[in-house]
Amino acid sequence: MMRADLGKEPEQVSAMFDRVAARYDRTNTVLSVGNAPLWRVATTRAVAPKAGERILDVAAGTGTSSASLAKSGASVVAADFSPGMIEVGRRRQAQVPNLVFVEADATKLPFGDDEFDAVTISFGLRNVNDPKKALAEFFRVTKPGGRLVVCEFSHPPVGVVRAGYHAYQRYVMPSLVKLSSSNDDAYEYLNESINAWPDQRALAAWIREAGYTDVAWRNLTLGVVALHRGRKPAA
């Protein structure tokens, strides 16, 4: 569910993502200036899926990241709150036998305790109405000794990079959205949610607060995106 401080009800946001589902992957590639596939590769490597494991991919959208994880032979559950995204994902990933789609709220996951060897979410945590509650749910469903990987837009630590990124958001992105997307409002929301999101250190603190240990992050694309990792204590 989306954060209420950005002025949209969960039902509005779900409908918004339903409308952009068909062009979602293409638009993301355009707006990321081709970096989206590289971020996906980095996330998959961080999750390090293995055959026989069970992995939960939250806010999976059309399942592009989930399919990447499933190539390892792991059993992957792609969870998303948008029925439209799930419909497109099931159609596009129909050839992946070890991937299933589930409609789910990140703050109230329909799974039991300690079910997954790894939980991951890419570019979705900032869109949750209560991110801390979602992290607590991720911790609940992660097996002891299991891992969490969060890939999310963040804040470039270098001032000149940060200024350039903000200029891109303000002047370039709107034009690209008009060329590649059928819904300008969805990507106006994207910018708002990115700018309202906490920095790398604050997100790491939230992950520790949820109960994960060995929390660390590394910046991708000069800090435009940050990859956070943590592990659920084995005992």
Protein backbone atom coordinates (compact mmCIF):
# COMPACT_ATOMS: atom_id res chain seq x y z
CA MET A 1 0.00 0.00 0.00
CA MET A 2 1.22 3.50 -0.79
CA ARG A 3 2.25 6.07 1.73
CA ALA A 4 -0.66 8.27 2.79
CA ASP A 5 1.52 11.39 3.09
CA LEU A 6 1.65 11.58 -0.71
CA GLY A 7 -2.08 12.18 -0.85
CA LYS A 8 -3.36 9.00 -2.49
CA GLU A 9 -5.56 6.28 -1.07
CA PRO A 10 -4.42 2.66 -1.57
CA GLU A 11 -7.28 2.00 -3.99
CA GLN A 12 -6.26 4.99 -6.10
CA VAL A 13 -2.68 3.84 -6.30
CA SER A 14 -3.63 0.27 -7.13
CA ALA A 15 -5.78 1.54 -10.00
CA MET A 16 -2.92 3.81 -11.14
CA PHE A 17 -0.52 0.87 -11.37
CA ASP A 18 -3.17 -1.23 -13.10
CA ARG A 19 -3.31 1.41 -15.85
CA VAL A 20 0.46 1.48 -16.45
CA ALA A 21 1.03 -2.29 -16.23
CA ALA A 22 1.20 -2.96 -19.98
CA ARG A 23 4.02 -0.44 -20.57
CA TYR A 24 5.58 -0.57 -17.12
CA ASP A 25 8.80 -2.45 -17.94
CA ARG A 26 9.51 -0.46 -21.10
CA THR A 27 8.91 2.86 -19.35
CA ASN A 28 11.20 1.90 -16.48
CA THR A 29 14.00 1.08 -18.89
CA VAL A 30 13.57 4.43 -20.65
CA LEU A 31 13.36 6.51 -17.45
CA SER A 32 16.39 4.75 -15.93
CA VAL A 33 18.39 5.55 -19.09
CA GLY A 34 19.01 1.84 -19.55
CA ASN A 35 20.13 1.18 -15.97
CA ALA A 36 17.08 -0.86 -14.88
CA PRO A 37 18.46 -4.19 -16.21
CA LEU A 38 21.79 -3.51 -14.48
CA TRP A 39 20.03 -2.83 -11.18
CA ARG A 40 18.09 -6.06 -11.60
CA VAL A 41 21.30 -8.03 -12.16
CA ALA A 42 22.85 -6.48 -9.04
CA THR A 43 19.77 -7.34 -6.99
CA THR A 44 19.68 -10.93 -8.22
CA ARG A 45 23.35 -11.37 -7.32
CA ALA A 46 22.72 -9.89 -3.86
CA VAL A 47 19.83 -12.29 -3.24
CA ALA A 48 22.04 -15.14 -4.50
CA PRO A 49 19.14 -17.55 -5.16
CA LYS A 50 19.85 -21.26 -5.14
CA ALA A 51 17.95 -24.26 -6.46
CA GLY A 52 15.63 -25.64 -3.81
CA GLU A 53 15.19 -22.34 -1.98
CA ARG A 54 11.90 -20.51 -1.63
CA ILE A 55 12.09 -16.79 -2.35
CA LEU A 56 9.50 -14.03 -1.95
CA ASP A 57 9.68 -11.09 -4.36
CA VAL A 58 7.47 -8.31 -2.98
CA ALA A 59 6.09 -5.52 -5.20
CA ALA A 60 7.10 -7.77 -8.08
CA GLY A 61 5.04 -5.92 -10.68
CA THR A 62 5.05 -7.88 -13.93
CA GLY A 63 7.54 -10.38 -12.53
CA THR A 64 10.64 -9.36 -14.48
CA SER A 65 12.80 -9.48 -11.34
CA SER A 66 11.05 -12.65 -10.18
CA ALA A 67 11.86 -14.44 -13.44
CA SER A 68 15.50 -13.47 -13.03
CA LEU A 69 15.53 -15.05 -9.57
CA ALA A 70 13.75 -18.16 -10.83
CA LYS A 71 16.51 -18.91 -13.36
CA SER A 72 18.51 -20.32 -10.44
CA GLY A 73 15.97 -23.09 -9.92
CA ALA A 74 14.61 -21.51 -6.74
CA SER A 75 10.85 -21.50 -6.18
CA VAL A 76 9.78 -17.86 -6.43
CA VAL A 77 6.58 -16.19 -5.24
CA ALA A 78 5.90 -12.86 -6.97
CA ALA A 79 3.65 -10.76 -4.74
CA ASP A 80 2.04 -7.47 -5.76
CA PHE A 81 -0.99 -5.46 -4.65
CA SER A 82 -2.00 -4.49 -8.22
CA PRO A 83 -4.30 -6.99 -9.98
CA GLY A 84 -3.39 -5.38 -13.30
CA MET A 85 0.32 -5.96 -12.76
CA ILE A 86 -0.31 -9.57 -11.76
CA GLU A 87 -2.46 -10.19 -14.84
CA VAL A 88 0.28 -8.90 -17.15
CA GLY A 89 2.95 -10.77 -15.17
CA ARG A 90 1.17 -14.12 -15.33
CA ARG A 91 0.85 -13.74 -19.09
CA ARG A 92 4.44 -12.63 -19.70
CA GLN A 93 6.06 -15.16 -17.35
CA ALA A 94 3.80 -18.10 -18.19
CA GLN A 95 6.80 -20.10 -19.42
CA VAL A 96 8.54 -19.96 -16.00
CA PRO A 97 7.37 -23.12 -14.16
CA ASN A 98 8.84 -22.28 -10.74
CA LEU A 99 7.22 -18.83 -10.49
CA VAL A 100 3.77 -18.10 -9.05
CA PHE A 101 1.96 -14.77 -8.64
CA VAL A 102 0.02 -13.78 -5.53
CA GLU A 103 -1.98 -10.61 -4.91
CA ALA A 104 -0.79 -9.37 -1.52
CA ASP A 105 -0.46 -6.33 0.74
CA ALA A 106 3.17 -5.90 1.87
CA THR A 107 2.01 -4.92 5.36
CA LYS A 108 -0.17 -8.03 5.77
CA LEU A 109 1.45 -10.88 3.87
CA PRO A 110 -0.67 -14.04 3.38
CA PHE A 111 2.16 -16.37 4.42
CA GLY A 112 3.15 -18.19 7.57
CA ASP A 113 6.13 -17.47 9.80
CA ASP A 114 9.61 -18.50 8.65
CA GLU A 115 8.55 -19.57 5.14
CA PHE A 116 11.19 -18.03 2.87
CA ASP A 117 14.94 -18.39 2.52
CA ALA A 118 15.06 -14.86 1.11
CA VAL A 119 12.74 -11.88 0.81
CA THR A 120 13.42 -9.11 -1.66
CA ILE A 121 11.70 -5.95 -2.85
CA SER A 122 12.80 -3.67 -5.68
CA PHE A 123 11.54 -0.10 -6.03
CA GLY A 124 8.45 -0.84 -3.97
CA LEU A 125 9.21 -0.23 -0.31
CA ARG A 126 8.94 3.55 -0.66
CA ASN A 127 5.43 3.01 -2.05
CA VAL A 128 4.18 1.18 1.01
CA ASN A 129 1.87 3.11 3.32
CA ASP A 130 3.79 1.89 6.39
CA PRO A 131 7.31 0.76 5.35
CA LYS A 132 8.31 -0.21 8.89
CA LYS A 133 5.29 -2.48 9.18
CA ALA A 134 6.21 -4.06 5.84
CA LEU A 135 9.77 -4.68 7.03
CA ALA A 136 8.38 -6.35 10.16
CA GLU A 137 6.28 -8.60 7.91
CA PHE A 138 9.33 -9.42 5.79
CA PHE A 139 11.18 -10.40 8.96
CA ARG A 140 8.27 -12.57 10.11
CA VAL A 141 8.15 -14.63 6.91
CA THR A 142 11.95 -14.93 6.54
CA LYS A 143 13.43 -18.20 7.82
CA PRO A 144 16.01 -17.97 10.63
CA GLY A 145 19.33 -17.43 8.91
CA GLY A 146 17.51 -16.15 5.82
CA ARG A 147 18.22 -12.89 4.05
CA LEU A 148 16.60 -9.65 2.99
CA VAL A 149 17.54 -7.56 -0.05
CA VAL A 150 16.02 -4.14 -0.71
CA CYS A 151 16.77 -2.29 -3.95
CA GLU A 152 15.38 1.23 -3.84
CA PHE A 153 15.86 4.73 -5.18
CA SER A 154 17.94 6.75 -2.76
CA HIS A 155 19.93 9.97 -2.35
CA PRO A 156 23.25 10.50 -4.19
CA PRO A 157 25.78 11.47 -1.50
CA VAL A 158 27.80 13.76 -3.79
CA GLY A 159 26.27 17.23 -4.14
CA VAL A 160 26.92 17.72 -7.84
CA VAL A 161 25.44 14.30 -8.67
CA ARG A 162 22.44 15.02 -6.47
CA ALA A 163 21.85 18.36 -8.23
CA GLY A 164 22.13 16.74 -11.65
CA TYR A 165 19.70 14.00 -10.66
CA HIS A 166 17.16 16.52 -9.41
CA ALA A 167 17.49 18.44 -12.67
CA TYR A 168 16.86 15.22 -14.59
CA GLN A 169 13.75 14.54 -12.52
CA ARG A 170 12.44 18.04 -13.05
CA TYR A 171 13.25 18.75 -16.69
CA VAL A 172 14.00 15.52 -18.54
CA MET A 173 11.81 12.84 -16.97
CA PRO A 174 8.46 14.54 -17.76
CA SER A 175 9.30 14.56 -21.48
CA LEU A 176 10.38 10.91 -21.43
CA VAL A 177 7.19 9.96 -19.60
CA LYS A 178 5.06 11.54 -22.33
CA LEU A 179 6.91 9.49 -24.95
CA SER A 180 6.89 6.12 -23.18
CA SER A 181 3.93 6.01 -20.76
CA SER A 182 0.18 6.33 -21.01
CA ASN A 183 -0.18 7.77 -17.51
CA ASP A 184 1.67 10.96 -16.54
CA ASP A 185 0.19 10.97 -13.03
CA ALA A 186 1.84 7.67 -12.15
CA TYR A 187 5.28 9.05 -12.87
CA GLU A 188 4.62 12.39 -11.19
CA TYR A 189 3.90 10.24 -8.15
CA LEU A 190 7.17 8.40 -8.80
CA ASN A 191 9.17 11.62 -8.44
CA GLU A 192 7.29 12.66 -5.31
CA SER A 193 7.82 9.29 -3.65
CA ILE A 194 11.56 9.29 -4.46
CA ASN A 195 12.11 12.76 -3.05
CA ALA A 196 10.15 11.93 0.13
CA TRP A 197 12.11 8.73 0.78
CA PRO A 198 14.80 8.62 3.53
CA ASP A 199 18.48 8.26 2.75
CA GLN A 200 20.62 5.11 2.88
CA ARG A 201 21.57 5.37 6.55
CA ALA A 202 17.96 5.88 7.67
CA LEU A 203 16.71 2.88 5.71
CA ALA A 204 19.48 0.74 7.19
CA ALA A 205 18.29 1.78 10.65
CA TRP A 206 14.72 0.74 9.79
CA ILE A 207 15.94 -2.68 8.65
CA ARG A 208 17.86 -3.17 11.91
CA GLU A 209 14.79 -2.05 13.84
CA ALA A 210 12.78 -4.80 12.13
CA GLY A 211 15.21 -7.36 13.59
CA TYR A 212 17.69 -8.02 10.79
CA THR A 213 21.42 -8.12 11.55
CA ASP A 214 24.54 -7.70 9.41
CA VAL A 215 22.80 -4.79 7.70
CA ALA A 216 24.81 -3.07 4.99
CA TRP A 217 24.25 -1.17 1.77
CA ARG A 218 26.08 -0.21 -1.37
CA ASN A 219 25.25 2.51 -3.86
CA LEU A 220 24.42 1.84 -7.48
CA THR A 221 24.68 4.51 -10.19
CA LEU A 222 26.41 6.98 -7.83
CA GLY A 223 23.72 6.60 -5.17
CA VAL A 224 20.67 7.15 -7.37
CA VAL A 225 19.80 3.63 -6.19
CA ALA A 226 20.96 1.82 -3.05
CA LEU A 227 21.06 -1.91 -2.42
CA HIS A 228 20.45 -2.83 1.24
CA ARG A 229 20.99 -6.28 2.73
CA GLY A 230 20.31 -7.92 6.08
CA ARG A 231 20.05 -11.36 7.66
CA LYS A 232 17.57 -12.82 10.13
CA PRO A 233 19.42 -14.25 13.14
CA ALA A 234 19.67 -18.03 12.98
CA ALA A 235 18.75 -18.50 16.61
